[in-house]
Amino acid sequence: DDYTAWSNNYYSEICIYPWAKDELDGYFMAIDVSGVDAGLMGSENALGCKMA
């Protein structure tokens, strides 16, 4: 459907996290989304940021 096509494009082409590749071992990330009524990172994004 239209939403699925939009969602796939949005999360693979627009809402990407290039800064996640710059993390160094021992660093942590804090994202302040106070007052935002939507999630910034879902489980797929958060797990993708996990350092090996």
N, C-alpha and C. Protein backbone atom coordinates (compact mmCIF):
# COMPACT_ATOMS: atom_id res chain seq x y z
N ASP A 1 0.83 -1.18 0.00
CA ASP A 1 0.00 0.00 0.00
C ASP A 1 0.88 1.25 0.00
N ASP A 2 0.25 2.41 -0.05
CA ASP A 2 0.99 3.67 -0.12
C ASP A 2 1.86 3.91 1.11
N TYR A 3 1.33 3.61 2.29
CA TYR A 3 2.12 3.84 3.51
C TYR A 3 3.36 2.96 3.53
N THR A 4 3.23 1.73 3.15
CA THR A 4 4.38 0.82 3.14
C THR A 4 5.47 1.34 2.21
N ALA A 5 5.10 1.79 1.04
CA ALA A 5 6.07 2.35 0.10
C ALA A 5 6.73 3.60 0.68
N TRP A 6 5.91 4.48 1.27
CA TRP A 6 6.46 5.69 1.88
C TRP A 6 7.39 5.35 3.02
N SER A 7 6.97 4.45 3.89
CA SER A 7 7.75 4.06 5.06
C SER A 7 9.09 3.44 4.65
N ASN A 8 9.06 2.55 3.69
CA ASN A 8 10.30 1.93 3.23
C ASN A 8 11.27 2.97 2.69
N ASN A 9 10.78 3.91 1.91
CA ASN A 9 11.63 4.97 1.37
C ASN A 9 12.14 5.88 2.48
N TYR A 10 11.26 6.27 3.38
CA TYR A 10 11.64 7.20 4.44
C TYR A 10 12.75 6.64 5.32
N TYR A 11 12.58 5.42 5.77
CA TYR A 11 13.55 4.86 6.70
C TYR A 11 14.82 4.34 6.03
N SER A 12 14.82 4.14 4.72
CA SER A 12 16.05 3.68 4.06
C SER A 12 16.80 4.80 3.34
N GLU A 13 16.11 5.90 3.01
CA GLU A 13 16.75 6.96 2.24
C GLU A 13 16.80 8.32 2.95
N ILE A 14 15.83 8.60 3.81
CA ILE A 14 15.73 9.94 4.41
C ILE A 14 16.12 9.94 5.87
N CYS A 15 15.50 9.11 6.64
CA CYS A 15 15.74 9.09 8.09
C CYS A 15 16.84 8.09 8.41
N ILE A 16 18.05 8.44 7.99
CA ILE A 16 19.20 7.57 8.23
C ILE A 16 20.07 8.18 9.32
N TYR A 17 20.94 7.43 9.87
CA TYR A 17 21.76 7.89 11.00
C TYR A 17 23.24 7.74 10.66
N PRO A 18 23.77 8.60 9.77
CA PRO A 18 25.18 8.45 9.40
C PRO A 18 26.14 8.68 10.56
N TRP A 19 25.70 9.45 11.55
CA TRP A 19 26.55 9.72 12.72
C TRP A 19 26.76 8.48 13.56
N ALA A 20 25.93 7.49 13.43
CA ALA A 20 26.08 6.27 14.24
C ALA A 20 27.36 5.53 13.88
N LYS A 21 27.84 5.71 12.66
CA LYS A 21 29.07 5.05 12.24
C LYS A 21 30.31 5.69 12.86
N ASP A 22 30.17 6.89 13.42
CA ASP A 22 31.30 7.62 14.01
C ASP A 22 31.50 7.32 15.48
N GLU A 23 30.65 6.48 16.05
CA GLU A 23 30.78 6.17 17.47
C GLU A 23 32.07 5.40 17.73
N LEU A 24 32.64 5.65 18.89
CA LEU A 24 33.86 4.95 19.29
C LEU A 24 33.56 4.02 20.45
N ASP A 25 34.36 3.00 20.60
CA ASP A 25 34.20 2.05 21.69
C ASP A 25 34.21 2.79 23.02
N GLY A 26 33.24 2.50 23.86
CA GLY A 26 33.14 3.14 25.17
C GLY A 26 32.26 4.38 25.18
N TYR A 27 31.84 4.87 24.03
CA TYR A 27 30.96 6.03 23.96
C TYR A 27 29.52 5.57 24.19
N PHE A 28 28.68 6.50 24.59
CA PHE A 28 27.25 6.22 24.64
C PHE A 28 26.53 7.36 23.95
N MET A 29 25.30 7.11 23.58
CA MET A 29 24.51 8.09 22.85
C MET A 29 23.26 8.42 23.67
N ALA A 30 22.98 9.70 23.79
CA ALA A 30 21.75 10.16 24.44
C ALA A 30 21.01 11.04 23.44
N ILE A 31 19.75 10.74 23.22
CA ILE A 31 18.94 11.51 22.29
C ILE A 31 17.77 12.09 23.07
N ASP A 32 17.71 13.41 23.14
CA ASP A 32 16.63 14.08 23.86
C ASP A 32 15.48 14.35 22.90
N VAL A 33 14.39 13.67 23.12
CA VAL A 33 13.21 13.87 22.29
C VAL A 33 12.06 14.40 23.14
N SER A 34 12.40 15.23 24.11
CA SER A 34 11.39 15.83 24.98
C SER A 34 10.37 16.60 24.15
N GLY A 35 9.12 16.39 24.44
CA GLY A 35 8.07 17.12 23.77
C GLY A 35 7.74 16.61 22.37
N VAL A 36 8.39 15.56 21.95
CA VAL A 36 8.12 14.99 20.64
C VAL A 36 7.12 13.85 20.83
N ASP A 37 6.05 13.88 20.08
CA ASP A 37 5.01 12.87 20.24
C ASP A 37 5.22 11.67 19.32
N ALA A 38 6.44 11.47 18.87
CA ALA A 38 6.75 10.32 18.02
C ALA A 38 8.12 9.79 18.38
N GLY A 39 8.31 8.53 18.17
CA GLY A 39 9.61 7.95 18.45
C GLY A 39 10.63 8.34 17.40
N LEU A 40 11.86 8.53 17.82
CA LEU A 40 12.92 8.85 16.88
C LEU A 40 13.59 7.58 16.37
N MET A 41 13.78 6.64 17.27
CA MET A 41 14.47 5.41 16.90
C MET A 41 13.63 4.21 17.31
N GLY A 42 13.37 3.36 16.35
CA GLY A 42 12.68 2.11 16.66
C GLY A 42 13.70 1.02 16.93
N SER A 43 13.23 -0.19 17.17
CA SER A 43 14.14 -1.27 17.52
C SER A 43 15.14 -1.56 16.40
N GLU A 44 14.71 -1.46 15.16
CA GLU A 44 15.62 -1.71 14.03
C GLU A 44 16.76 -0.69 14.02
N ASN A 45 16.43 0.58 14.24
CA ASN A 45 17.46 1.62 14.27
C ASN A 45 18.38 1.45 15.45
N ALA A 46 17.81 1.21 16.61
CA ALA A 46 18.62 1.09 17.82
C ALA A 46 19.56 -0.11 17.74
N LEU A 47 19.06 -1.22 17.26
CA LEU A 47 19.92 -2.40 17.13
C LEU A 47 20.99 -2.19 16.07
N GLY A 48 20.67 -1.41 15.05
CA GLY A 48 21.65 -1.11 14.02
C GLY A 48 22.78 -0.25 14.53
N CYS A 49 22.54 0.52 15.59
CA CYS A 49 23.57 1.38 16.17
C CYS A 49 24.43 0.64 17.17
N LYS A 50 24.05 -0.56 17.54
CA LYS A 50 24.81 -1.31 18.54
C LYS A 50 26.20 -1.63 18.00
N MET A 51 27.18 -1.34 18.81
CA MET A 51 28.56 -1.63 18.41
C MET A 51 28.86 -3.10 18.66
N ALA A 52 29.58 -3.71 17.76
CA ALA A 52 29.94 -5.12 17.91
C ALA A 52 31.14 -5.27 18.82
